[in-house]
């Protein structure tokens, strides 16, 4: 699931705050259809969840376990690059 670069970008973009599909698509340069497809897969894997606010759904990382894994992974990659 996390091997797909688009899904990983979506997860990282939503790591710190919930985002609407249009915001994700615009910021990452992807179509809304493609973002919706990936969000459906991420929700199915319980990595993300949607929270309805009025007429929009905002997507966020599902829980602190997922958030911790993503944060640790990013930190590890940064440490590897700092040693180069």
Protein backbone atom coordinates (compact mmCIF):
# COMPACT_ATOMS: atom_id res chain seq x y z
CA UNK A 1 0.00 0.00 0.00
CA UNK A 2 2.74 2.49 0.96
CA UNK A 3 4.87 1.43 -2.00
CA UNK A 4 2.78 3.62 -4.29
CA UNK A 5 4.34 7.11 -4.45
CA UNK A 6 1.00 8.84 -5.01
CA UNK A 7 -0.59 7.25 -1.95
CA UNK A 8 2.47 8.08 0.13
CA UNK A 9 2.34 11.72 -1.02
CA UNK A 10 -1.35 11.92 -0.10
CA UNK A 11 -0.70 10.46 3.35
CA UNK A 12 2.19 12.82 4.03
CA UNK A 13 0.18 15.83 2.82
CA UNK A 14 -2.66 14.97 5.21
CA UNK A 15 -0.37 14.12 8.13
CA UNK A 16 -0.75 17.37 10.07
CA UNK A 17 -4.30 18.42 9.24
CA UNK A 18 -7.43 17.16 7.49
CA UNK A 19 -7.70 18.07 3.81
CA UNK A 20 -10.49 18.12 1.25
CA UNK A 21 -10.13 16.18 -2.01
CA UNK A 22 -9.87 19.38 -4.05
CA UNK A 23 -7.13 20.72 -1.79
CA UNK A 24 -5.16 17.47 -2.03
CA UNK A 25 -5.55 17.35 -5.81
CA UNK A 26 -4.58 20.99 -6.33
CA UNK A 27 -1.58 20.93 -4.02
CA UNK A 28 -0.19 17.66 -5.35
CA UNK A 29 -0.99 18.36 -9.02
CA UNK A 30 -3.32 15.38 -9.37
CA UNK A 31 -6.85 15.00 -10.71
CA UNK A 32 -9.67 14.79 -8.18
CA UNK A 33 -10.68 11.46 -9.68
CA UNK A 34 -7.21 10.00 -9.08
CA UNK A 35 -7.09 11.38 -5.53
CA UNK A 36 -10.54 9.93 -4.79
CA UNK A 37 -9.42 6.53 -6.09
CA UNK A 38 -6.35 6.51 -3.85
CA UNK A 39 -8.32 7.78 -0.85
CA UNK A 40 -10.77 4.92 -1.27
CA UNK A 41 -7.86 2.44 -1.13
CA UNK A 42 -6.25 4.20 1.84
CA UNK A 43 -9.57 4.20 3.73
CA UNK A 44 -10.03 0.52 2.92
CA UNK A 45 -6.61 -0.19 4.42
CA UNK A 46 -7.60 1.89 7.49
CA UNK A 47 -4.71 4.30 6.92
CA UNK A 48 -7.00 7.31 6.40
CA UNK A 49 -10.50 8.33 7.39
CA UNK A 50 -12.97 10.88 6.14
CA UNK A 51 -14.62 13.39 8.46
CA UNK A 52 -17.72 15.19 7.16
CA UNK A 53 -17.94 18.90 7.87
CA UNK A 54 -21.09 20.39 6.41
CA UNK A 55 -21.10 19.41 2.73
CA UNK A 56 -17.42 18.49 2.44
CA UNK A 57 -15.43 15.49 3.57
CA UNK A 58 -11.98 16.13 4.98
CA UNK A 59 -9.47 13.31 4.95
CA UNK A 60 -6.94 12.70 7.69
CA UNK A 61 -4.51 10.04 8.80
CA UNK A 62 -6.57 7.39 10.59
CA UNK A 63 -4.89 7.39 13.99
CA UNK A 64 -1.74 8.10 15.96
CA UNK A 65 -0.20 4.72 15.08
CA UNK A 66 -0.27 5.55 11.37
CA UNK A 67 0.93 9.08 12.06
CA UNK A 68 3.83 7.80 14.16
CA UNK A 69 4.91 5.33 11.47
CA UNK A 70 4.88 8.04 8.79
CA UNK A 71 6.72 10.53 10.98
CA UNK A 72 9.36 7.97 11.96
CA UNK A 73 9.80 6.93 8.34
CA UNK A 74 10.30 10.53 7.20
CA UNK A 75 12.73 11.18 10.05
CA UNK A 76 14.71 8.05 9.18
CA UNK A 77 14.99 9.11 5.52
CA UNK A 78 16.18 12.58 6.54
CA UNK A 79 18.83 11.05 8.82
CA UNK A 80 20.08 8.84 5.98
CA UNK A 81 20.42 11.86 3.68
CA UNK A 82 22.19 13.89 6.36
CA UNK A 83 24.90 11.22 6.60
CA UNK A 84 25.61 11.31 2.82
